[in-house]
PDB file of N, CA and C in Angstrom:
ATOM      1  N   MET A   1      -4.890  -1.549 -25.492  1.00  0.00           N
ATOM      2  CA  MET A   1      -3.381  -1.963 -24.920  1.00  0.00           C
ATOM      3  C   MET A   1      -3.578  -2.818 -23.686  1.00  0.00           C
ATOM      4  N   ALA A   2      -2.530  -3.826 -23.117  1.00  0.00           N
ATOM      5  CA  ALA A   2      -2.849  -4.624 -22.776  1.00  0.00           C
ATOM      6  C   ALA A   2      -2.269  -3.711 -20.842  1.00  0.00           C
ATOM      7  N   SER A   3      -2.900  -4.116 -19.725  1.00  0.00           N
ATOM      8  CA  SER A   3      -2.661  -3.376 -18.763  1.00  0.00           C
ATOM      9  C   SER A   3      -1.420  -3.882 -18.600  1.00  0.00           C
ATOM     10  N   LYS A   4       0.217  -2.863 -18.195  1.00  0.00           N
ATOM     11  CA  LYS A   4       1.129  -3.532 -17.607  1.00  0.00           C
ATOM     12  C   LYS A   4       1.074  -3.440 -15.907  1.00  0.00           C
ATOM     13  N   SER A   5       2.118  -3.658 -15.214  1.00  0.00           N
ATOM     14  CA  SER A   5       2.417  -4.474 -13.866  1.00  0.00           C
ATOM     15  C   SER A   5       3.310  -3.066 -13.893  1.00  0.00           C
ATOM     16  N   ARG A   6       3.006  -2.314 -12.802  1.00  0.00           N
ATOM     17  CA  ARG A   6       4.674  -0.495 -12.441  1.00  0.00           C
ATOM     18  C   ARG A   6       4.788  -1.364 -10.634  1.00  0.00           C
ATOM     19  N   GLY A   7       5.665  -0.399 -11.020  1.00  0.00           N
ATOM     20  CA  GLY A   7       6.154   0.069  -9.656  1.00  0.00           C
ATOM     21  C   GLY A   7       5.221   1.107  -9.017  1.00  0.00           C
ATOM     22  N   LEU A   8       5.532   0.807  -7.769  1.00  0.00           N
ATOM     23  CA  LEU A   8       4.535   2.013  -7.034  1.00  0.00           C
ATOM     24  C   LEU A   8       5.433   3.526  -7.136  1.00  0.00           C
ATOM     25  N   LEU A   9       4.611   4.500  -7.643  1.00  0.00           N
ATOM     26  CA  LEU A   9       5.243   5.595  -7.120  1.00  0.00           C
ATOM     27  C   LEU A   9       5.504   5.839  -5.927  1.00  0.00           C
ATOM     28  N   PRO A  10       6.310   6.809  -5.913  1.00  0.00           N
ATOM     29  CA  PRO A  10       6.793   7.051  -4.368  1.00  0.00           C
ATOM     30  C   PRO A  10       5.655   7.949  -3.858  1.00  0.00           C
ATOM     31  N   GLY A  11       5.709   7.470  -2.333  1.00  0.00           N
ATOM     32  CA  GLY A  11       5.095   8.007  -1.650  1.00  0.00           C
ATOM     33  C   GLY A  11       3.881   7.712  -1.680  1.00  0.00           C
ATOM     34  N   THR A  12       3.658   5.883  -2.532  1.00  0.00           N
ATOM     35  CA  THR A  12       2.276   4.884  -2.179  1.00  0.00           C
ATOM     36  C   THR A  12       2.383   3.659  -1.727  1.00  0.00           C
ATOM     37  N   VAL A  13       3.588   3.771  -1.404  1.00  0.00           N
ATOM     38  CA  VAL A  13       4.062   2.686  -0.599  1.00  0.00           C
ATOM     39  C   VAL A  13       3.395   2.322   0.485  1.00  0.00           C
ATOM     40  N   ASP A  14       3.937   3.301   1.475  1.00  0.00           N
ATOM     41  CA  ASP A  14       3.508   3.207   2.510  1.00  0.00           C
ATOM     42  C   ASP A  14       1.364   3.630   2.654  1.00  0.00           C
ATOM     43  N   LEU A  15       0.983   3.977   2.169  1.00  0.00           N
ATOM     44  CA  LEU A  15      -0.328   4.296   2.363  1.00  0.00           C
ATOM     45  C   LEU A  15      -1.440   2.712   1.569  1.00  0.00           C
ATOM     46  N   VAL A  16      -0.796   1.747   0.582  1.00  0.00           N
ATOM     47  CA  VAL A  16      -1.630   0.645  -0.063  1.00  0.00           C
ATOM     48  C   VAL A  16      -0.748  -0.239   0.946  1.00  0.00           C
ATOM     49  N   VAL A  17       0.105  -0.096   1.502  1.00  0.00           N
ATOM     50  CA  VAL A  17       0.748  -1.012   3.114  1.00  0.00           C
ATOM     51  C   VAL A  17      -0.289  -1.190   3.870  1.00  0.00           C
ATOM     52  N   LEU A  18      -0.561  -0.126   4.528  1.00  0.00           N
ATOM     53  CA  LEU A  18      -1.235  -0.120   5.528  1.00  0.00           C
ATOM     54  C   LEU A  18      -2.575  -0.241   5.333  1.00  0.00           C
ATOM     55  N   GLN A  19      -3.470   0.298   4.493  1.00  0.00           N
ATOM     56  CA  GLN A  19      -4.592   0.340   3.422  1.00  0.00           C
ATOM     57  C   GLN A  19      -5.009  -2.058   4.382  1.00  0.00           C
ATOM     58  N   THR A  20      -4.135  -2.410   3.052  1.00  0.00           N
ATOM     59  CA  THR A  20      -3.835  -3.851   3.499  1.00  0.00           C
ATOM     60  C   THR A  20      -4.000  -4.627   4.325  1.00  0.00           C
ATOM     61  N   LEU A  21      -3.350  -3.347   5.144  1.00  0.00           N
ATOM     62  CA  LEU A  21      -3.356  -4.653   6.238  1.00  0.00           C
ATOM     63  C   LEU A  21      -4.310  -3.770   7.295  1.00  0.00           C
ATOM     64  N   THR A  22      -5.601  -3.036   6.834  1.00  0.00           N
ATOM     65  CA  THR A  22      -6.737  -2.578   7.474  1.00  0.00           C
ATOM     66  C   THR A  22      -7.569  -4.248   7.692  1.00  0.00           C
ATOM     67  N   ALA A  23      -7.425  -4.850   6.677  1.00  0.00           N
ATOM     68  CA  ALA A  23      -8.208  -6.196   6.714  1.00  0.00           C
ATOM     69  C   ALA A  23      -7.869  -7.202   7.748  1.00  0.00           C
ATOM     70  N   GLY A  24      -6.741  -6.744   8.415  1.00  0.00           N
ATOM     71  CA  GLY A  24      -6.158  -7.512   9.618  1.00  0.00           C
ATOM     72  C   GLY A  24      -4.701  -7.831   9.047  1.00  0.00           C
ATOM     73  N   ALA A  25      -4.137  -8.633  10.008  1.00  0.00           N
ATOM     74  CA  ALA A  25      -2.620  -9.186  10.291  1.00  0.00           C
ATOM     75  C   ALA A  25      -2.183 -10.534   8.387  1.00  0.00           C
ATOM     76  N   LYS A  26      -1.472  -9.642   8.569  1.00  0.00           N
ATOM     77  CA  LYS A  26      -0.402 -10.598   7.268  1.00  0.00           C
ATOM     78  C   LYS A  26       1.100 -10.288   6.970  1.00  0.00           C
ATOM     79  N   HIS A  27       1.841 -11.673   6.498  1.00  0.00           N
ATOM     80  CA  HIS A  27       2.695 -11.734   6.254  1.00  0.00           C
ATOM     81  C   HIS A  27       2.980 -11.241   4.813  1.00  0.00           C
ATOM     82  N   GLY A  28       4.522 -10.830   4.628  1.00  0.00           N
ATOM     83  CA  GLY A  28       4.857  -9.974   3.451  1.00  0.00           C
ATOM     84  C   GLY A  28       4.173 -10.745   2.156  1.00  0.00           C
ATOM     85  N   PHE A  29       4.348 -12.340   2.075  1.00  0.00           N
ATOM     86  CA  PHE A  29       3.663 -12.139   0.365  1.00  0.00           C
ATOM     87  C   PHE A  29       2.413 -12.019   0.580  1.00  0.00           C
ATOM     88  N   ALA A  30       1.912 -11.838   2.192  1.00  0.00           N
ATOM     89  CA  ALA A  30       0.056 -11.574   1.360  1.00  0.00           C
ATOM     90  C   ALA A  30       0.015 -10.599   0.906  1.00  0.00           C
ATOM     91  N   VAL A  31       0.486  -9.530   1.905  1.00  0.00           N
ATOM     92  CA  VAL A  31       0.303  -7.908   1.677  1.00  0.00           C
ATOM     93  C   VAL A  31       0.338  -7.928  -0.068  1.00  0.00           C
ATOM     94  N   SER A  32       2.096  -8.046  -0.673  1.00  0.00           N
ATOM     95  CA  SER A  32       2.301  -8.093  -1.797  1.00  0.00           C
ATOM     96  C   SER A  32       1.309  -8.286  -2.796  1.00  0.00           C
ATOM     97  N   ARG A  33       0.722 -10.236  -2.055  1.00  0.00           N
ATOM     98  CA  ARG A  33       0.098 -10.573  -2.775  1.00  0.00           C
ATOM     99  C   ARG A  33      -1.647  -9.998  -2.991  1.00  0.00           C
ATOM    100  N   SER A  34      -1.861  -9.019  -2.433  1.00  0.00           N
ATOM    101  CA  SER A  34      -3.121  -9.019  -1.959  1.00  0.00           C
ATOM    102  C   SER A  34      -3.672  -7.302  -2.458  1.00  0.00           C
ATOM    103  N   ILE A  35      -2.270  -6.830  -2.669  1.00  0.00           N
ATOM    104  CA  ILE A  35      -1.750  -5.340  -3.526  1.00  0.00           C
ATOM    105  C   ILE A  35      -1.737  -5.141  -4.676  1.00  0.00           C
ATOM    106  N   ARG A  36      -1.235  -6.704  -5.579  1.00  0.00           N
ATOM    107  CA  ARG A  36      -1.377  -6.891  -6.733  1.00  0.00           C
ATOM    108  C   ARG A  36      -2.736  -7.384  -7.032  1.00  0.00           C
ATOM    109  N   ALA A  37      -3.121  -8.641  -6.378  1.00  0.00           N
ATOM    110  CA  ALA A  37      -5.230  -8.513  -6.824  1.00  0.00           C
ATOM    111  C   ALA A  37      -6.238  -7.198  -6.717  1.00  0.00           C
ATOM    112  N   ARG A  38      -5.711  -6.746  -5.522  1.00  0.00           N
ATOM    113  CA  ARG A  38      -6.822  -5.633  -5.534  1.00  0.00           C
ATOM    114  C   ARG A  38      -6.739  -4.327  -7.019  1.00  0.00           C
ATOM    115  N   SER A  39      -5.523  -4.481  -7.351  1.00  0.00           N
ATOM    116  CA  SER A  39      -4.993  -2.993  -8.041  1.00  0.00           C
ATOM    117  C   SER A  39      -5.091  -3.919  -9.886  1.00  0.00           C
ATOM    118  N   ASN A  40      -6.155  -4.977  -9.186  1.00  0.00           N
ATOM    119  CA  ASN A  40      -6.214  -6.352 -11.103  1.00  0.00           C
ATOM    120  C   ASN A  40      -4.680  -6.083 -11.831  1.00  0.00           C
ATOM    121  N   GLY A  41      -3.625  -5.892 -10.870  1.00  0.00           N
ATOM    122  CA  GLY A  41      -2.112  -6.130 -11.614  1.00  0.00           C
ATOM    123  C   GLY A  41      -1.647  -5.013 -11.764  1.00  0.00           C
ATOM    124  N   VAL A  42      -1.677  -3.947 -11.753  1.00  0.00           N
ATOM    125  CA  VAL A  42      -1.228  -3.033 -12.306  1.00  0.00           C
ATOM    126  C   VAL A  42      -0.282  -2.401 -11.023  1.00  0.00           C
ATOM    127  N   LEU A  43      -0.450  -2.653  -9.455  1.00  0.00           N
ATOM    128  CA  LEU A  43       0.361  -2.577  -8.711  1.00  0.00           C
ATOM    129  C   LEU A  43       1.112  -3.952  -8.323  1.00  0.00           C
ATOM    130  N   ASP A  44       2.736  -3.450  -8.458  1.00  0.00           N
ATOM    131  CA  ASP A  44       3.356  -5.284  -8.077  1.00  0.00           C
ATOM    132  C   ASP A  44       4.591  -3.836  -7.690  1.00  0.00           C
ATOM    133  N   LEU A  45       4.416  -4.344  -6.017  1.00  0.00           N
ATOM    134  CA  LEU A  45       5.499  -4.638  -4.961  1.00  0.00           C
ATOM    135  C   LEU A  45       6.506  -4.853  -4.630  1.00  0.00           C
ATOM    136  N   GLN A  46       7.484  -4.802  -5.018  1.00  0.00           N
ATOM    137  CA  GLN A  46       8.694  -5.863  -5.078  1.00  0.00           C
ATOM    138  C   GLN A  46       9.215  -6.484  -3.680  1.00  0.00           C
ATOM    139  N   ASP A  47       9.809  -6.820  -3.325  1.00  0.00           N
ATOM    140  CA  ASP A  47       9.863  -7.925  -1.857  1.00  0.00           C
ATOM    141  C   ASP A  47      11.002  -6.766  -1.733  1.00  0.00           C
ATOM    142  N   ALA A  48      12.128  -5.903  -1.997  1.00  0.00           N
ATOM    143  CA  ALA A  48      12.738  -5.527  -1.304  1.00  0.00           C
ATOM    144  C   ALA A  48      12.042  -4.183  -0.672  1.00  0.00           C
ATOM    145  N   ALA A  49      10.968  -3.916  -1.894  1.00  0.00           N
ATOM    146  CA  ALA A  49      10.664  -2.099  -1.271  1.00  0.00           C
ATOM    147  C   ALA A  49       9.818  -2.396  -0.463  1.00  0.00           C
ATOM    148  N   LEU A  50       8.680  -4.122  -0.476  1.00  0.00           N
ATOM    149  CA  LEU A  50       7.715  -3.972   0.703  1.00  0.00           C
ATOM    150  C   LEU A  50       8.514  -3.845   2.223  1.00  0.00           C
ATOM    151  N   TYR A  51       9.480  -5.067   1.958  1.00  0.00           N
ATOM    152  CA  TYR A  51      10.384  -5.256   3.434  1.00  0.00           C
ATOM    153  C   TYR A  51      10.850  -4.059   4.190  1.00  0.00           C
ATOM    154  N   GLN A  52      11.521  -3.386   3.383  1.00  0.00           N
ATOM    155  CA  GLN A  52      12.151  -2.314   3.892  1.00  0.00           C
ATOM    156  C   GLN A  52      10.771  -1.159   4.100  1.00  0.00           C
ATOM    157  N   ALA A  53       9.235  -0.766   3.410  1.00  0.00           N
ATOM    158  CA  ALA A  53       8.920  -0.270   4.236  1.00  0.00           C
ATOM    159  C   ALA A  53       8.099  -0.997   5.237  1.00  0.00           C
ATOM    160  N   LEU A  54       8.021  -2.141   5.077  1.00  0.00           N
ATOM    161  CA  LEU A  54       7.498  -2.526   6.932  1.00  0.00           C
ATOM    162  C   LEU A  54       8.342  -2.334   8.202  1.00  0.00           C
ATOM    163  N   HIS A  55       9.636  -2.691   7.463  1.00  0.00           N
ATOM    164  CA  HIS A  55      10.340  -2.801   8.704  1.00  0.00           C
ATOM    165  C   HIS A  55      10.238  -1.114   8.915  1.00  0.00           C
ATOM    166  N   ARG A  56      10.560   0.080   7.874  1.00  0.00           N
ATOM    167  CA  ARG A  56      10.710   1.151   8.470  1.00  0.00           C
ATOM    168  C   ARG A  56       8.982   1.805   9.345  1.00  0.00           C
ATOM    169  N   MET A  57       8.062   1.634   8.841  1.00  0.00           N
ATOM    170  CA  MET A  57       6.514   1.389   9.353  1.00  0.00           C
ATOM    171  C   MET A  57       6.726   0.738  10.747  1.00  0.00           C
ATOM    172  N   GLU A  58       7.793   0.310  10.810  1.00  0.00           N
ATOM    173  CA  GLU A  58       7.270  -0.839  12.445  1.00  0.00           C
ATOM    174  C   GLU A  58       8.185  -0.082  13.350  1.00  0.00           C
ATOM    175  N   LYS A  59       9.547   0.395  13.272  1.00  0.00           N
ATOM    176  CA  LYS A  59      10.120   1.242  13.533  1.00  0.00           C
ATOM    177  C   LYS A  59       9.228   3.229  13.724  1.00  0.00           C
ATOM    178  N   SER A  60       8.872   3.111  13.021  1.00  0.00           N
ATOM    179  CA  SER A  60       7.159   4.323  13.411  1.00  0.00           C
ATOM    180  C   SER A  60       6.304   3.930  13.911  1.00  0.00           C
ATOM    181  N   GLY A  61       6.310   3.079  14.867  1.00  0.00           N
ATOM    182  CA  GLY A  61       5.074   2.466  15.474  1.00  0.00           C
ATOM    183  C   GLY A  61       3.621   2.478  14.253  1.00  0.00           C
ATOM    184  N   TRP A  62       3.898   2.332  13.139  1.00  0.00           N
ATOM    185  CA  TRP A  62       2.486   2.417  12.653  1.00  0.00           C
ATOM    186  C   TRP A  62       2.339   0.656  12.152  1.00  0.00           C
ATOM    187  N   VAL A  63       2.695  -0.226  12.172  1.00  0.00           N
ATOM    188  CA  VAL A  63       2.525  -1.212  12.787  1.00  0.00           C
ATOM    189  C   VAL A  63       2.786  -2.388  13.479  1.00  0.00           C
ATOM    190  N   ALA A  64       2.912  -3.197  13.927  1.00  0.00           N
ATOM    191  CA  ALA A  64       3.532  -4.118  15.171  1.00  0.00           C
ATOM    192  C   ALA A  64       3.467  -5.268  14.358  1.00  0.00           C
ATOM    193  N   SER A  65       4.206  -6.509  14.704  1.00  0.00           N
ATOM    194  CA  SER A  65       4.535  -7.763  14.181  1.00  0.00           C
ATOM    195  C   SER A  65       4.646  -9.117  15.322  1.00  0.00           C
ATOM    196  N   GLU A  66       4.462 -10.443  15.091  1.00  0.00           N
ATOM    197  CA  GLU A  66       4.280 -11.197  15.491  1.00  0.00           C
ATOM    198  C   GLU A  66       4.413 -12.725  14.723  1.00  0.00           C
ATOM    199  N   TRP A  67       5.193 -13.673  14.788  1.00  0.00           N
ATOM    200  CA  TRP A  67       5.574 -14.099  14.239  1.00  0.00           C
ATOM    201  C   TRP A  67       4.830 -15.326  14.364  1.00  0.00           C
ATOM    202  N   GLY A  68       4.274 -16.219  13.400  1.00  0.00           N
ATOM    203  CA  GLY A  68       3.189 -17.259  13.050  1.00  0.00           C
ATOM    204  C   GLY A  68       3.369 -18.377  12.097  1.00  0.00           C
ATOM    205  N   ILE A  69       2.688 -19.034  11.372  1.00  0.00           N
ATOM    206  CA  ILE A  69       2.537 -19.434  10.252  1.00  0.00           C
ATOM    207  C   ILE A  69       1.936 -19.457   9.465  1.00  0.00           C
ATOM    208  N   SER A  70       2.625 -19.255   8.162  1.00  0.00           N
ATOM    209  CA  SER A  70       1.199 -18.947   7.239  1.00  0.00           C
ATOM    210  C   SER A  70       0.348 -20.425   6.880  1.00  0.00           C
ATOM    211  N   GLU A  71      -0.555 -20.262   5.609  1.00  0.00           N
ATOM    212  CA  GLU A  71      -0.670 -20.664   5.036  1.00  0.00           C
ATOM    213  C   GLU A  71       0.078 -22.405   4.952  1.00  0.00           C
ATOM    214  N   LYS A  72       1.082 -22.190   4.123  1.00  0.00           N
ATOM    215  CA  LYS A  72       1.506 -23.029   3.601  1.00  0.00           C
ATOM    216  C   LYS A  72       2.530 -23.983   4.900  1.00  0.00           C
ATOM    217  N   GLY A  73       2.608 -23.691   5.989  1.00  0.00           N
ATOM    218  CA  GLY A  73       2.391 -24.547   7.253  1.00  0.00           C
ATOM    219  C   GLY A  73       4.410 -23.891   7.114  1.00  0.00           C
ATOM    220  N   LYS A  74       4.643 -22.999   6.695  1.00  0.00           N
ATOM    221  CA  LYS A  74       6.187 -22.125   7.407  1.00  0.00           C
ATOM    222  C   LYS A  74       5.786 -21.241   7.964  1.00  0.00           C
ATOM    223  N   ARG A  75       6.922 -20.645   8.785  1.00  0.00           N
ATOM    224  CA  ARG A  75       7.145 -19.985  10.134  1.00  0.00           C
ATOM    225  C   ARG A  75       7.256 -18.731   9.159  1.00  0.00           C
ATOM    226  N   ALA A  76       6.361 -17.509   9.950  1.00  0.00           N
ATOM    227  CA  ALA A  76       5.848 -16.081   8.935  1.00  0.00           C
ATOM    228  C   ALA A  76       6.318 -14.921   9.849  1.00  0.00           C
ATOM    229  N   LYS A  77       5.993 -13.523   9.365  1.00  0.00           N
ATOM    230  CA  LYS A  77       6.373 -12.680  10.202  1.00  0.00           C
ATOM    231  C   LYS A  77       5.326 -11.452  10.017  1.00  0.00           C
ATOM    232  N   PHE A  78       4.267 -11.823  10.668  1.00  0.00           N
ATOM    233  CA  PHE A  78       2.785 -11.489  10.945  1.00  0.00           C
ATOM    234  C   PHE A  78       2.831 -10.368  10.881  1.00  0.00           C
ATOM    235  N   TYR A  79       2.437  -8.822   9.953  1.00  0.00           N
ATOM    236  CA  TYR A  79       2.112  -7.657  10.455  1.00  0.00           C
ATOM    237  C   TYR A  79       0.736  -6.933  10.420  1.00  0.00           C
ATOM    238  N   HIS A  80       0.628  -6.068  11.854  1.00  0.00           N
ATOM    239  CA  HIS A  80      -0.505  -5.675  11.711  1.00  0.00           C
ATOM    240  C   HIS A  80      -0.901  -4.524  11.866  1.00  0.00           C
ATOM    241  N   LEU A  81      -1.776  -3.350  11.336  1.00  0.00           N
ATOM    242  CA  LEU A  81      -1.845  -1.991  11.385  1.00  0.00           C
ATOM    243  C   LEU A  81      -1.598  -1.881  13.421  1.00  0.00           C
ATOM    244  N   THR A  82      -0.800  -0.490  13.355  1.00  0.00           N
ATOM    245  CA  THR A  82      -1.298   0.231  14.868  1.00  0.00           C
ATOM    246  C   THR A  82      -2.291   1.529  15.262  1.00  0.00           C
ATOM    247  N   GLU A  83      -2.584   1.598  16.190  1.00  0.00           N
ATOM    248  CA  GLU A  83      -4.388   2.759  16.515  1.00  0.00           C
ATOM    249  C   GLU A  83      -3.170   3.880  15.516  1.00  0.00           C
ATOM    250  N   GLU A  84      -1.982   4.069  16.134  1.00  0.00           N
ATOM    251  CA  GLU A  84      -0.835   5.287  15.019  1.00  0.00           C
ATOM    252  C   GLU A  84      -0.973   4.533  13.812  1.00  0.00           C
ATOM    253  N   GLY A  85      -1.006   3.628  13.166  1.00  0.00           N
ATOM    254  CA  GLY A  85      -0.457   3.921  11.475  1.00  0.00           C
ATOM    255  C   GLY A  85      -2.129   3.737  10.858  1.00  0.00           C
ATOM    256  N   GLY A  86      -3.371   3.814  11.549  1.00  0.00           N
ATOM    257  CA  GLY A  86      -4.771   4.109  11.355  1.00  0.00           C
ATOM    258  C   GLY A  86      -5.007   5.046  11.234  1.00  0.00           C
ATOM    259  N   GLY A  87      -4.104   5.996  12.241  1.00  0.00           N
ATOM    260  CA  GLY A  87      -4.493   7.779  11.860  1.00  0.00           C
ATOM    261  C   GLY A  87      -3.150   8.094  10.624  1.00  0.00           C
ATOM    262  N   ARG A  88      -2.505   7.287  10.899  1.00  0.00           N
ATOM    263  CA  ARG A  88      -1.238   7.557   9.376  1.00  0.00           C
ATOM    264  C   ARG A  88      -1.899   7.476   7.542  1.00  0.00           C
ATOM    265  N   LEU A  89      -2.294   6.190   8.319  1.00  0.00           N
ATOM    266  CA  LEU A  89      -3.700   5.584   7.253  1.00  0.00           C
ATOM    267  C   LEU A  89      -4.642   6.799   6.440  1.00  0.00           C
ATOM    268  N   SER A  90      -5.333   7.452   7.788  1.00  0.00           N
ATOM    269  CA  SER A  90      -6.311   8.586   7.222  1.00  0.00           C
ATOM    270  C   SER A  90      -5.609   9.839   7.417  1.00  0.00           C
ATOM    271  N   GLU A  91      -4.463  10.353   7.551  1.00  0.00           N
ATOM    272  CA  GLU A  91      -3.794  11.246   6.963  1.00  0.00           C
ATOM    273  C   GLU A  91      -3.362  10.938   5.878  1.00  0.00           C
ATOM    274  N   GLU A  92      -2.749  10.445   5.550  1.00  0.00           N
ATOM    275  CA  GLU A  92      -2.262   9.801   3.480  1.00  0.00           C
ATOM    276  C   GLU A  92      -3.740   9.663   2.455  1.00  0.00           C
ATOM    277  N   ALA A  93      -4.296   8.525   3.339  1.00  0.00           N
ATOM    278  CA  ALA A  93      -5.549   8.894   2.069  1.00  0.00           C
ATOM    279  C   ALA A  93      -6.320  10.225   1.784  1.00  0.00           C
ATOM    280  N   THR A  94      -6.102  10.942   3.333  1.00  0.00           N
ATOM    281  CA  THR A  94      -7.297  12.575   2.387  1.00  0.00           C
ATOM    282  C   THR A  94      -5.808  12.892   1.772  1.00  0.00           C
ATOM    283  N   PHE A  95      -4.324  13.491   1.666  1.00  0.00           N
ATOM    284  CA  PHE A  95      -4.166  13.640   0.577  1.00  0.00           C
ATOM    285  C   PHE A  95      -3.821  12.914  -0.705  1.00  0.00           C
ATOM    286  N   TRP A  96      -3.769  11.318  -0.501  1.00  0.00           N
ATOM    287  CA  TRP A  96      -3.924  10.744  -1.600  1.00  0.00           C
ATOM    288  C   TRP A  96      -5.348  10.915  -2.617  1.00  0.00           C
ATOM    289  N   ARG A  97      -6.135  11.276  -2.019  1.00  0.00           N
ATOM    290  CA  ARG A  97      -7.822  11.278  -2.768  1.00  0.00           C
ATOM    291  C   ARG A  97      -7.386  12.733  -3.242  1.00  0.00           C
ATOM    292  N   ARG A  98      -7.319  13.975  -2.165  1.00  0.00           N
ATOM    293  CA  ARG A  98      -6.883  15.373  -3.171  1.00  0.00           C
ATOM    294  C   ARG A  98      -6.100  15.007  -4.553  1.00  0.00           C
ATOM    295  N   TYR A  99      -4.902  14.514  -4.077  1.00  0.00           N
ATOM    296  CA  TYR A  99      -4.120  14.375  -5.142  1.00  0.00           C
ATOM    297  C   TYR A  99      -4.364  14.113  -6.161  1.00  0.00           C
ATOM    298  N   ALA A 100      -4.638  12.918  -6.751  1.00  0.00           N
ATOM    299  CA  ALA A 100      -5.716  12.435  -7.437  1.00  0.00           C
ATOM    300  C   ALA A 100      -6.219  12.784  -8.684  1.00  0.00           C
ATOM    301  N   ALA A 101      -7.501  13.772  -7.372  1.00  0.00           N
ATOM    302  CA  ALA A 101      -7.959  14.204  -7.531  1.00  0.00           C
ATOM    303  C   ALA A 101      -7.501  15.721  -8.931  1.00  0.00           C
ATOM    304  N   ALA A 102      -6.863  16.136  -8.231  1.00  0.00           N
ATOM    305  CA  ALA A 102      -6.258  17.014  -8.851  1.00  0.00           C
ATOM    306  C   ALA A 102      -5.135  17.114  -9.782  1.00  0.00           C
ATOM    307  N   VAL A 103      -4.670  15.900 -10.187  1.00  0.00           N
ATOM    308  CA  VAL A 103      -3.791  14.850 -11.343  1.00  0.00           C
ATOM    309  C   VAL A 103      -5.046  15.043 -12.561  1.00  0.00           C
ATOM    310  N   ALA A 104      -6.543  14.131 -11.642  1.00  0.00           N
ATOM    311  CA  ALA A 104      -7.496  14.319 -12.710  1.00  0.00           C
ATOM    312  C   ALA A 104      -7.861  15.468 -13.746  1.00  0.00           C
ATOM    313  N   ASP A 105      -8.195  16.759 -12.133  1.00  0.00           N
ATOM    314  CA  ASP A 105      -8.626  17.540 -12.934  1.00  0.00           C
ATOM    315  C   ASP A 105      -7.516  18.084 -14.148  1.00  0.00           C
ATOM    316  N   VAL A 106      -6.233  18.102 -13.870  1.00  0.00           N
ATOM    317  CA  VAL A 106      -5.318  18.428 -14.961  1.00  0.00           C
ATOM    318  C   VAL A 106      -5.154  18.303 -15.801  1.00  0.00           C
ATOM    319  N   LEU A 107      -5.728  16.493 -16.538  1.00  0.00           N
ATOM    320  CA  LEU A 107      -5.512  15.578 -17.286  1.00  0.00           C
ATOM    321  C   LEU A 107      -7.145  15.793 -18.365  1.00  0.00           C
ATOM    322  N   GLU A 108      -8.273  16.116 -17.938  1.00  0.00           N
ATOM    323  CA  GLU A 108      -9.238  16.928 -18.035  1.00  0.00           C
ATOM    324  C   GLU A 108      -8.698  17.821 -19.840  1.00  0.00           C
ATOM    325  N   PRO A 109      -9.224  18.050 -21.070  1.00  0.00           N
ATOM    326  CA  PRO A 109      -9.034  18.574 -22.090  1.00  0.00           C
ATOM    327  C   PRO A 109      -9.174  20.262 -21.598  1.00  0.00           C
ATOM    328  N   MET A 110      -7.843  21.070 -21.985  1.00  0.00           N
ATOM    329  CA  MET A 110      -8.049  22.497 -21.938  1.00  0.00           C
ATOM    330  C   MET A 110      -9.262  23.136 -22.517  1.00  0.00           C
ATOM    331  N   PRO A 111      -9.592  23.811 -21.568  1.00  0.00           N
ATOM    332  CA  PRO A 111     -10.664  24.335 -22.069  1.00  0.00           C
ATOM    333  C   PRO A 111     -10.052  26.201 -23.183  1.00  0.00           C
ATOM    334  N   THR A 112     -11.295  25.578 -24.113  1.00  0.00           N
ATOM    335  CA  THR A 112     -10.851  26.861 -25.469  1.00  0.00           C
ATOM    336  C   THR A 112     -11.025  28.116 -24.824  1.00  0.00           C
ATOM    337  N   GLU A 113      -9.788  28.881 -25.650  1.00  0.00           N
ATOM    338  CA  GLU A 113     -11.052  30.080 -25.308  1.00  0.00           C
ATOM    339  C   GLU A 113     -11.314  30.894 -26.552  1.00  0.00           C
ATOM    340  N   GLY A 114     -12.218  32.057 -26.243  1.00  0.00           N
ATOM    341  CA  GLY A 114     -13.103  32.746 -27.120  1.00  0.00           C
ATOM    342  C   GLY A 114     -13.936  32.752 -26.831  1.00  0.00           C
TER     343      GLY A 114
END
């Protein structure tokens, strides 16, 4: 079965964007490209959802931005993780690791009774 690109589950956008920014400041397209690459093409964050999330996280103080020049020589807004965003990432990562482990446990075959 070929892997299929999918949008992100609700609640995971902030998590993967914040994690992506731990590597340093990136413009929106680079964030999206990094998420796609790191997930082997499984996670595909659409532009509208990405920029909505970045703007929401900027208003929350989790990311900050500044204008710069992209690798293609175009003016672009670069986002970086703030200290508050690092704290939020830590909280979210703890929750999602626990959540994913619980889902994995439920997906295991049911024990037979008897």
